[in-house]
Amino acid sequence: MEREINEIAVGLDIGTTKIVAMVGKYNEYGKMEVLGIGKSKSLGVHRGVVNNITQTIQSIQQAVQEAESVGGAKISNVTVGIAGQHIRSLQHSDYITRPNADAVIDEDDIEKLINQVHKLVMLPGEEILHVLPQEYKVDGQAEIKEPVGMYGGRLEANFHVVVGQVTSIRNIGRCVKSSGLELSDVTLEPLASANAVLSQEEKEAGVALIDIGGGTTDLAIFKDGIIRHTAVIPFGGNVITEDIKEGCSIIEKQAELLKIKFGSAWPGENKDNEIVSIPGLRGREPKEITLKNLSKIIHARVVEIVEQVFLEIKNYGHESPKKKLIAGIVLTGGGAQLKHLKQLVEYITGMDTRIGYPNEHLAGNSNSETTSPMYATAVGLVMDGLVHMKRQKKLNKKETVVKEPVIELKEEVLDNKTVTEEENPRVDLKPRKNILEKWTEKFKEFLDNAE
């Protein structure tokens, strides 16, 4: 049975290993219910960046068709995640001087300040994706979370600015459009994963989310409920598979299976006499591999990935008391399922670690497949899609509620004098768009013109 299209949202996670299309909606308790999920092998993506448009389009269509057949709803609009080795972030401070200090600060002032940051000069071929305000200063008074409604002449803010390569982002947009889908929203993948697996308490206390994917490892750091740092490290589970393939002289398929079934990040666990036999190619002799050697290969590469991430956490300033991450580290993504990874991360970083399952906001009856760490990004993207839709609905309602009294007012006044459009109070009640929605609109416009 086809469901009403306006109550569902679709997340499309275009990863290096797999492409996932997930359909979800809110149930009566306000939790997210997954209606359908489709996944396909990702063939045209390398380290989070599209390098073969045709293959990526085919993979997207396959995943979407599978999700449609399970979910029973036609998919047209999707929320897409953006990641990849081209993503970088920077801290930036900016200010505006308000013409009238006697008027209270409103949304327009904040919008003006954020738009000013969007005009920052980037390196050639780069574009600002997200401008995330950290905290504000009004006339030198620091640590203000919400300046709206305050008086002040000078409004300052620290921003976390996320930057990406224009061409990579456009290629993803092109793939989605050519698959016959509409882009309803674009989200940074580490932010989507964080929404799915972190609790508000953890974000307040300070936490680092590490999402280990196939091609990249994403990092998002939260403190006092605000995103403080993001980074994308161009290593993931695939380099571990590659190392096993080279080290044991076997084919990739076998290396992947070995990693999943017998792999461990801690070499001391395996006895010397634990051996696994792998059939040889085309009648060749089978290969015997000791599990100790296997875990040594995995261990060496995982240590490298974790140390790179830990370096980013140190760059954020984790050592200073004010920036301490009390809730430690949360591991998610397909790579988080590697045996003994939690212990290894705790050993290297000295921080409390847990595996993040995306069940924080999911309905209680969700099947175990959906709550696997490898679907964290997809769940987060669906949640973003649902929030975006809810906001749109509210704005539409506001518009319809506002219009009726405005028309009556116009009719009453008409006897005395004609009312021009400028005098009409309706103008003040225009719905506000956040920065990302504006960016998505510009992005859609660009794609339409590019055709």
Protein backbone atom coordinates (compact mmCIF):
# COMPACT_ATOMS: atom_id res chain seq x y z
CA MET A 1 0.00 0.00 0.00
CA GLU A 2 1.39 3.42 -0.92
CA ARG A 3 1.81 5.77 2.02
CA GLU A 4 1.19 9.49 1.94
CA ILE A 5 4.36 10.96 0.52
CA ASN A 6 4.50 14.06 2.75
CA GLU A 7 4.92 12.15 6.02
CA ILE A 8 8.08 10.23 5.05
CA ALA A 9 11.68 11.31 4.54
CA VAL A 10 14.48 9.56 2.66
CA GLY A 11 18.17 9.58 3.53
CA LEU A 12 20.74 8.75 0.85
CA ASP A 13 24.19 7.84 2.15
CA ILE A 14 26.62 7.75 -0.78
CA GLY A 15 29.57 5.90 0.72
CA THR A 16 32.77 4.38 -0.63
CA THR A 17 31.73 0.79 0.12
CA LYS A 18 27.95 0.94 -0.09
CA ILE A 19 25.12 3.26 -1.04
CA VAL A 20 22.16 3.18 1.36
CA ALA A 21 18.69 4.58 0.78
CA MET A 22 16.58 4.64 3.94
CA VAL A 23 12.90 5.58 4.22
CA GLY A 24 11.55 6.66 7.60
CA LYS A 25 8.78 8.55 9.41
CA TYR A 26 7.85 9.58 12.94
CA ASN A 27 5.62 7.19 14.88
CA GLU A 28 2.99 8.36 17.38
CA TYR A 29 5.61 8.57 20.16
CA GLY A 30 7.84 10.92 18.18
CA LYS A 31 10.46 8.23 17.53
CA MET A 32 11.73 7.41 14.06
CA GLU A 33 10.38 4.30 12.37
CA VAL A 34 12.32 2.81 9.44
CA LEU A 35 9.87 1.80 6.70
CA GLY A 36 12.32 0.55 4.12
CA ILE A 37 16.01 0.21 3.48
CA GLY A 38 17.88 -0.48 0.26
CA LYS A 39 21.59 -0.89 -0.23
CA SER A 40 23.86 -1.53 -3.17
CA LYS A 41 27.59 -1.91 -3.70
CA SER A 42 29.17 1.46 -4.35
CA LEU A 43 31.29 1.21 -7.48
CA GLY A 44 31.93 4.78 -8.57
CA VAL A 45 33.08 6.33 -5.27
CA HIS A 46 36.65 6.50 -3.96
CA ARG A 47 37.41 7.88 -0.49
CA GLY A 48 34.03 9.59 -0.35
CA VAL A 49 34.49 11.31 -3.72
CA VAL A 50 32.60 10.35 -6.89
CA ASN A 51 35.05 9.21 -9.58
CA ASN A 52 32.63 7.44 -11.93
CA ILE A 53 29.29 9.18 -12.52
CA THR A 54 27.60 6.36 -14.51
CA GLN A 55 28.38 3.63 -11.97
CA THR A 56 27.32 5.84 -9.06
CA ILE A 57 23.97 6.61 -10.75
CA GLN A 58 23.36 2.87 -11.26
CA SER A 59 24.19 2.12 -7.61
CA ILE A 60 21.90 4.93 -6.38
CA GLN A 61 19.00 3.68 -8.55
CA GLN A 62 19.50 0.11 -7.33
CA ALA A 63 19.45 1.16 -3.66
CA VAL A 64 16.41 3.40 -4.18
CA GLN A 65 14.47 0.66 -6.01
CA GLU A 66 15.17 -1.81 -3.20
CA ALA A 67 14.04 0.72 -0.56
CA GLU A 68 10.85 1.41 -2.58
CA SER A 69 10.00 -2.28 -2.84
CA VAL A 70 10.44 -2.77 0.93
CA GLY A 71 8.93 0.55 2.06
CA GLY A 72 6.03 0.56 -0.37
CA ALA A 73 6.37 4.30 -1.12
CA LYS A 74 7.58 6.10 -4.22
CA ILE A 75 10.80 7.99 -3.52
CA SER A 76 11.26 11.41 -5.09
CA ASN A 77 13.00 13.70 -2.57
CA VAL A 78 16.17 12.72 -0.71
CA THR A 79 18.47 14.17 1.95
CA VAL A 80 22.04 13.52 0.85
CA GLY A 81 25.17 13.27 2.97
CA ILE A 82 28.45 14.86 1.91
CA ALA A 83 31.84 13.62 3.12
CA GLY A 84 35.16 12.80 1.48
CA GLN A 85 38.80 13.69 1.76
CA HIS A 86 38.20 17.20 0.36
CA ILE A 87 36.28 18.35 3.47
CA ARG A 88 38.17 20.59 5.87
CA SER A 89 37.12 22.94 8.64
CA LEU A 90 38.40 26.17 10.15
CA GLN A 91 37.61 28.53 13.00
CA HIS A 92 36.71 32.11 12.16
CA SER A 93 35.62 35.19 14.13
CA ASP A 94 33.57 37.99 12.65
CA TYR A 95 31.47 40.94 13.79
CA ILE A 96 28.90 43.45 12.61
CA THR A 97 28.24 46.96 13.93
CA ARG A 98 24.52 47.56 14.20
CA PRO A 99 23.20 50.95 13.01
CA ASN A 100 20.73 51.20 15.89
CA ALA A 101 21.94 49.96 19.30
CA ASP A 102 18.58 50.83 20.88
CA ALA A 103 16.77 48.16 18.86
CA VAL A 104 16.99 44.55 20.05
CA ILE A 105 19.09 42.04 18.15
CA ASP A 106 16.88 39.89 15.90
CA GLU A 107 17.28 36.98 13.48
CA ASP A 108 18.12 39.41 10.66
CA ASP A 109 21.28 40.56 12.46
CA ILE A 110 22.45 36.97 12.93
CA GLU A 111 21.65 36.23 9.30
CA LYS A 112 23.66 39.28 8.24
CA LEU A 113 26.63 38.11 10.32
CA ILE A 114 26.45 34.57 8.91
CA ASN A 115 26.16 35.90 5.35
CA GLN A 116 29.26 37.96 5.98
CA VAL A 117 31.16 34.76 6.86
CA HIS A 118 29.90 33.18 3.63
CA LYS A 119 31.78 35.90 1.73
CA LEU A 120 35.14 34.68 3.12
CA VAL A 121 37.69 34.17 0.37
CA MET A 122 38.43 30.46 0.02
CA LEU A 123 41.12 28.61 -1.90
CA PRO A 124 40.36 28.23 -5.63
CA GLY A 125 37.72 25.56 -6.23
CA GLU A 126 36.49 25.50 -2.61
CA GLU A 127 33.10 26.45 -1.27
CA ILE A 128 31.72 27.02 2.23
CA LEU A 129 29.28 24.23 3.15
CA HIS A 130 28.26 25.04 6.72
CA VAL A 131 28.71 28.10 8.91
CA LEU A 132 28.06 26.93 12.46
CA PRO A 133 27.97 29.67 15.16
CA GLN A 134 29.80 28.68 18.37
CA GLU A 135 29.10 31.49 20.83
CA TYR A 136 28.35 35.17 20.53
CA LYS A 137 29.68 38.37 22.08
CA VAL A 138 27.49 41.46 22.45
CA ASP A 139 29.41 44.69 23.13
CA GLY A 140 32.30 42.67 24.56
CA GLN A 141 30.11 40.52 26.84
CA ALA A 142 31.28 36.98 26.08
CA GLU A 143 29.81 33.45 26.22
CA ILE A 144 26.34 34.32 24.97
CA LYS A 145 24.52 31.30 23.50
CA GLU A 146 21.45 33.14 22.17
CA PRO A 147 21.79 36.89 21.48
CA VAL A 148 18.28 37.36 20.00
CA GLY A 149 16.30 39.83 22.10
CA MET A 150 19.35 41.52 23.66
CA TYR A 151 20.44 45.14 23.20
CA GLY A 152 23.84 45.90 21.72
CA GLY A 153 25.74 47.84 19.07
CA ARG A 154 28.44 45.32 18.18
CA LEU A 155 27.55 41.66 17.58
CA GLU A 156 30.51 39.27 17.39
CA ALA A 157 30.66 35.50 16.98
CA ASN A 158 33.08 32.61 16.67
CA PHE A 159 32.21 30.30 13.80
CA HIS A 160 33.08 26.77 12.84
CA VAL A 161 33.27 26.87 9.04
CA VAL A 162 33.14 23.65 7.00
CA VAL A 163 34.66 23.87 3.52
CA GLY A 164 34.48 21.43 0.59
CA GLN A 165 35.51 21.17 -3.03
CA VAL A 166 32.94 22.63 -5.43
CA THR A 167 33.43 19.96 -8.12
CA SER A 168 33.01 17.02 -5.71
CA ILE A 169 29.79 18.49 -4.33
CA ARG A 170 28.43 19.20 -7.82
CA ASN A 171 29.23 15.66 -8.94
CA ILE A 172 27.15 14.24 -6.10
CA GLY A 173 24.31 16.60 -7.04
CA ARG A 174 24.57 15.55 -10.67
CA CYS A 175 24.40 11.83 -9.71
CA VAL A 176 21.30 12.38 -7.55
CA LYS A 177 19.54 14.44 -10.24
CA SER A 178 20.42 11.98 -13.02
CA SER A 179 18.98 9.16 -10.89
CA GLY A 180 15.60 10.89 -11.21
CA LEU A 181 15.60 12.25 -7.64
CA GLU A 182 15.24 15.71 -6.13
CA LEU A 183 17.68 17.08 -3.54
CA SER A 184 15.66 18.26 -0.57
CA ASP A 185 18.63 18.86 1.72
CA VAL A 186 22.42 18.43 1.93
CA THR A 187 24.11 17.54 5.23
CA LEU A 188 27.68 16.93 6.33
CA GLU A 189 27.90 13.20 7.11
CA PRO A 190 29.70 13.46 10.50
CA LEU A 191 26.87 15.76 11.66
CA ALA A 192 24.22 13.27 10.49
CA SER A 193 25.97 10.36 12.25
CA ALA A 194 26.26 12.46 15.42
CA ASN A 195 22.50 13.15 15.40
CA ALA A 196 21.80 9.44 15.16
CA VAL A 197 24.11 8.06 17.87
CA LEU A 198 24.83 10.78 20.44
CA SER A 199 22.63 11.81 23.33
CA GLN A 200 22.20 15.45 24.34
CA GLU A 201 24.01 14.76 27.65
CA GLU A 202 27.08 13.53 25.78
CA LYS A 203 27.09 16.60 23.53
CA GLU A 204 26.93 18.82 26.62
CA ALA A 205 29.67 16.96 28.51
CA GLY A 206 32.02 16.86 25.52
CA VAL A 207 32.37 13.93 23.13
CA ALA A 208 34.28 12.95 20.00
CA LEU A 209 32.34 10.93 17.44
CA ILE A 210 34.53 8.77 15.19
CA ASP A 211 32.69 7.34 12.16
CA ILE A 212 34.89 4.71 10.50
CA GLY A 213 33.60 4.17 6.98
CA GLY A 214 35.04 2.25 4.04
CA GLY A 215 36.99 5.08 2.42
CA THR A 216 37.15 7.77 5.10
CA THR A 217 37.03 8.24 8.87
CA ASP A 218 34.90 11.20 9.95
CA LEU A 219 35.33 13.06 13.21
CA ALA A 220 32.89 15.42 14.94
CA ILE A 221 33.64 16.96 18.35
CA PHE A 222 30.89 18.43 20.56
CA LYS A 223 31.20 20.42 23.78
CA ASP A 224 28.49 22.35 25.67
CA GLY A 225 25.98 21.07 23.13
CA ILE A 226 27.74 22.84 20.22
CA ILE A 227 29.77 21.33 17.38
CA ARG A 228 33.38 22.44 17.93
CA HIS A 229 35.47 20.61 15.38
CA THR A 230 35.01 18.40 12.31
CA ALA A 231 37.57 16.54 10.21
CA VAL A 232 37.64 13.89 7.49
CA ILE A 233 40.64 11.53 7.48
CA PRO A 234 41.21 9.78 4.12
CA PHE A 235 41.59 6.27 5.59
CA GLY A 236 38.92 3.73 6.46
CA GLY A 237 38.12 0.04 6.56
CA ASN A 238 39.16 -0.45 2.93
CA VAL A 239 42.85 0.18 3.62
CA ILE A 240 42.76 -2.56 6.26
CA THR A 241 41.30 -4.98 3.67
CA GLU A 242 43.97 -3.84 1.19
CA ASP A 243 46.73 -4.59 3.72
CA ILE A 244 45.34 -8.08 4.40
CA LYS A 245 45.15 -8.70 0.64
CA GLU A 246 48.79 -7.68 0.13
CA GLY A 247 50.12 -9.23 3.33
CA CYS A 248 48.48 -12.62 2.86
CA SER A 249 48.57 -12.68 -1.00
CA ILE A 250 44.86 -13.36 -1.34
CA ILE A 251 42.04 -11.74 -3.34
CA GLU A 252 40.03 -8.80 -1.99
CA LYS A 253 36.81 -10.74 -1.43
CA GLN A 254 38.63 -13.26 0.78
CA ALA A 255 40.49 -10.48 2.62
CA GLU A 256 37.18 -8.73 3.44
CA LEU A 257 35.64 -11.97 4.74
CA LEU A 258 38.72 -12.71 6.85
CA LYS A 259 38.58 -9.24 8.38
CA ILE A 260 34.87 -9.53 9.26
CA LYS A 261 34.89 -13.14 10.52
CA PHE A 262 38.28 -13.55 12.20
CA GLY A 263 39.77 -10.05 12.35
CA SER A 264 40.79 -8.47 15.64
CA ALA A 265 42.48 -5.16 16.43
CA TRP A 266 44.36 -6.72 19.36
CA PRO A 267 47.12 -9.22 18.35
CA GLY A 268 47.65 -10.68 21.82
CA GLU A 269 44.22 -12.34 21.72
CA ASN A 270 45.09 -15.09 19.24
CA LYS A 271 47.11 -18.24 19.96
CA ASP A 272 49.92 -19.20 17.59
CA ASN A 273 48.20 -22.42 16.54
CA GLU A 274 44.94 -20.77 15.37
CA ILE A 275 44.97 -21.16 11.59
CA VAL A 276 42.41 -20.48 8.90
CA SER A 277 42.62 -22.19 5.51
CA ILE A 278 41.67 -20.28 2.36
CA PRO A 279 40.91 -22.13 -0.91
CA GLY A 280 43.44 -21.42 -3.66
CA LEU A 281 42.49 -19.89 -7.01
CA ARG A 282 41.68 -22.20 -9.92
CA GLY A 283 42.88 -25.49 -8.42
CA ARG A 284 45.92 -24.04 -6.65
CA GLU A 285 46.91 -25.24 -3.18
CA PRO A 286 44.87 -23.72 -0.32
CA LYS A 287 46.60 -21.03 1.76
CA GLU A 288 46.99 -21.30 5.51
CA ILE A 289 46.99 -18.05 7.47
CA THR A 290 47.58 -17.77 11.22
CA LEU A 291 45.07 -15.54 13.01
CA LYS A 292 47.94 -13.98 14.95
CA ASN A 293 49.48 -12.67 11.71
CA LEU A 294 46.09 -11.50 10.51
CA SER A 295 45.47 -9.45 13.65
CA LYS A 296 49.03 -8.03 13.50
CA ILE A 297 48.31 -6.67 10.00
CA ILE A 298 44.96 -5.22 11.13
CA HIS A 299 46.45 -3.82 14.35
CA ALA A 300 49.19 -1.89 12.53
CA ARG A 301 46.73 -0.11 10.23
CA VAL A 302 44.07 0.54 12.90
CA VAL A 303 46.70 2.12 15.18
CA GLU A 304 47.60 4.48 12.31
CA ILE A 305 43.95 5.51 11.79
CA VAL A 306 43.30 6.00 15.52
CA GLU A 307 46.49 8.04 15.96
CA GLN A 308 45.49 10.33 13.07
CA VAL A 309 42.08 10.89 14.68
CA PHE A 310 43.67 11.44 18.12
CA LEU A 311 45.93 14.09 16.57
CA GLU A 312 42.79 15.94 15.38
CA ILE A 313 41.30 15.66 18.90
CA LYS A 314 44.52 17.16 20.30
CA ASN A 315 44.39 19.94 17.68
CA TYR A 316 40.95 20.84 18.99
CA GLY A 317 42.62 21.32 22.40
CA HIS A 318 41.31 18.34 24.34
CA GLU A 319 44.11 18.69 26.92
CA SER A 320 42.96 22.08 28.25
CA PRO A 321 40.52 21.79 31.21
CA LYS A 322 37.82 23.93 29.55
CA LYS A 323 37.79 21.81 26.41
CA LYS A 324 37.99 18.40 28.11
CA LEU A 325 35.79 15.74 26.52
CA ILE A 326 34.18 14.19 29.59
CA ALA A 327 32.05 11.68 27.64
CA GLY A 328 35.14 10.43 25.77
CA ILE A 329 34.85 8.79 22.36
CA VAL A 330 31.94 7.16 20.51
CA LEU A 331 32.83 4.82 17.63
CA THR A 332 30.35 4.22 14.82
CA GLY A 333 30.26 3.28 11.13
CA GLY A 334 30.94 -0.15 9.60
CA GLY A 335 34.55 -0.14 10.83
CA ALA A 336 33.40 0.13 14.47
CA GLN A 337 32.32 -3.52 14.34
CA LEU A 338 35.93 -4.74 14.33
CA LYS A 339 36.61 -6.97 17.35
CA HIS A 340 38.50 -5.38 20.30
CA LEU A 341 38.58 -1.97 18.60
CA LYS A 342 37.03 -0.30 21.68
CA GLN A 343 39.84 -1.61 23.91
CA LEU A 344 42.54 -0.49 21.46
CA VAL A 345 41.10 3.04 21.18
CA GLU A 346 40.92 3.32 24.98
CA TYR A 347 44.53 2.10 25.22
CA ILE A 348 45.87 4.63 22.66
CA THR A 349 43.85 7.68 23.71
CA GLY A 350 43.24 7.03 27.40
CA MET A 351 39.63 8.17 26.90
CA ASP A 352 36.39 6.35 27.74
CA THR A 353 35.03 4.69 24.59
CA ARG A 354 31.75 3.09 23.56
CA ILE A 355 30.35 1.75 20.30
CA GLY A 356 27.57 4.01 18.98
CA TYR A 357 24.41 2.27 17.76
CA PRO A 358 21.86 4.51 16.01
CA ASN A 359 19.02 3.46 18.34
CA GLU A 360 18.96 6.73 20.33
CA HIS A 361 15.97 8.06 18.32
CA LEU A 362 14.67 4.87 16.68
CA ALA A 363 11.36 3.20 17.53
CA GLY A 364 11.66 0.28 19.95
CA ASN A 365 10.55 -2.36 17.44
CA SER A 366 13.32 -1.56 14.90
CA ASN A 367 15.07 -4.66 13.59
CA SER A 368 18.69 -5.34 14.51
CA GLU A 369 19.92 -4.61 10.97
CA THR A 370 18.82 -0.96 11.17
CA THR A 371 20.47 -0.41 14.56
CA SER A 372 23.86 -1.57 13.27
CA PRO A 373 26.61 1.10 13.46
CA MET A 374 27.07 0.88 9.68
CA TYR A 375 23.66 2.56 9.18
CA ALA A 376 24.33 5.47 11.56
CA THR A 377 24.77 8.03 8.75
CA ALA A 378 21.64 6.88 6.89
CA VAL A 379 19.53 7.08 10.07
CA GLY A 380 20.92 10.57 10.77
CA LEU A 381 20.11 11.72 7.22
CA VAL A 382 16.49 10.51 7.52
CA MET A 383 16.21 12.36 10.85
CA ASP A 384 17.53 15.52 9.20
CA GLY A 385 14.99 15.07 6.40
CA LEU A 386 12.13 14.71 8.90
CA VAL A 387 13.20 17.81 10.86
CA HIS A 388 13.47 19.77 7.60
CA MET A 389 9.95 18.64 6.62
CA LYS A 390 8.51 19.51 10.03
CA ARG A 391 9.99 23.01 9.74
CA GLN A 392 8.53 23.46 6.26
CA LYS A 393 5.08 22.34 7.48
CA LYS A 394 5.21 24.83 10.37
CA LEU A 395 6.16 27.66 8.02
CA ASN A 396 3.38 26.75 5.59
CA LYS A 397 0.86 26.68 8.46
CA LYS A 398 2.08 30.09 9.66
CA GLU A 399 1.63 31.48 6.18
CA THR A 400 -1.95 30.23 5.85
CA VAL A 401 -2.89 31.40 9.37
CA VAL A 402 -1.44 34.84 8.74
CA LYS A 403 -3.10 35.43 5.39
CA GLU A 404 -6.76 35.46 6.56
CA PRO A 405 -6.70 38.40 9.03
CA VAL A 406 -4.54 40.37 6.60
CA ILE A 407 -7.24 40.15 3.89
CA GLU A 408 -9.98 41.28 6.31
CA LEU A 409 -7.91 44.24 7.41
CA LYS A 410 -7.43 45.26 3.79
CA GLU A 411 -11.20 45.23 3.13
CA GLU A 412 -11.99 47.41 6.17
CA VAL A 413 -9.47 50.08 5.26
CA LEU A 414 -10.51 50.20 1.61
CA ASP A 415 -13.39 52.61 2.34
CA ASN A 416 -11.01 55.38 3.48
CA LYS A 417 -8.03 54.87 1.19
CA THR A 418 -6.43 52.26 -0.99
CA VAL A 419 -3.77 50.17 0.72
CA THR A 420 -0.57 49.56 -1.17
CA GLU A 421 1.33 46.27 -0.88
CA GLU A 422 4.08 48.04 1.12
CA GLU A 423 1.64 48.98 3.87
CA ASN A 424 0.48 45.42 4.19
CA PRO A 425 1.83 43.88 7.44
CA ARG A 426 2.09 40.46 5.82
CA VAL A 427 5.66 41.26 4.74
CA ASP A 428 7.04 41.00 8.32
CA LEU A 429 5.81 37.46 8.71
CA LYS A 430 7.80 35.85 5.96
CA PRO A 431 9.12 32.39 6.86
CA ARG A 432 12.82 32.30 7.70
CA LYS A 433 15.17 29.91 5.95
CA ASN A 434 18.29 28.64 7.62
CA ILE A 435 21.66 28.96 5.91
CA LEU A 436 21.72 25.34 4.72
CA GLU A 437 18.31 25.63 3.07
CA LYS A 438 19.47 28.74 1.24
CA TRP A 439 22.63 26.97 0.19
CA THR A 440 20.65 23.96 -1.04
CA GLU A 441 18.38 26.26 -3.06
CA LYS A 442 21.37 27.98 -4.68
CA PHE A 443 22.87 24.58 -5.34
CA LYS A 444 19.65 23.35 -7.02
CA GLU A 445 19.55 26.52 -9.11
CA PHE A 446 23.11 25.96 -10.19
CA LEU A 447 22.35 22.35 -11.22
CA ASP A 448 19.34 23.45 -13.24
CA ASN A 449 21.42 26.04 -15.08
CA ALA A 450 24.24 23.56 -15.69
CA GLU A 451 22.04 21.24 -17.69
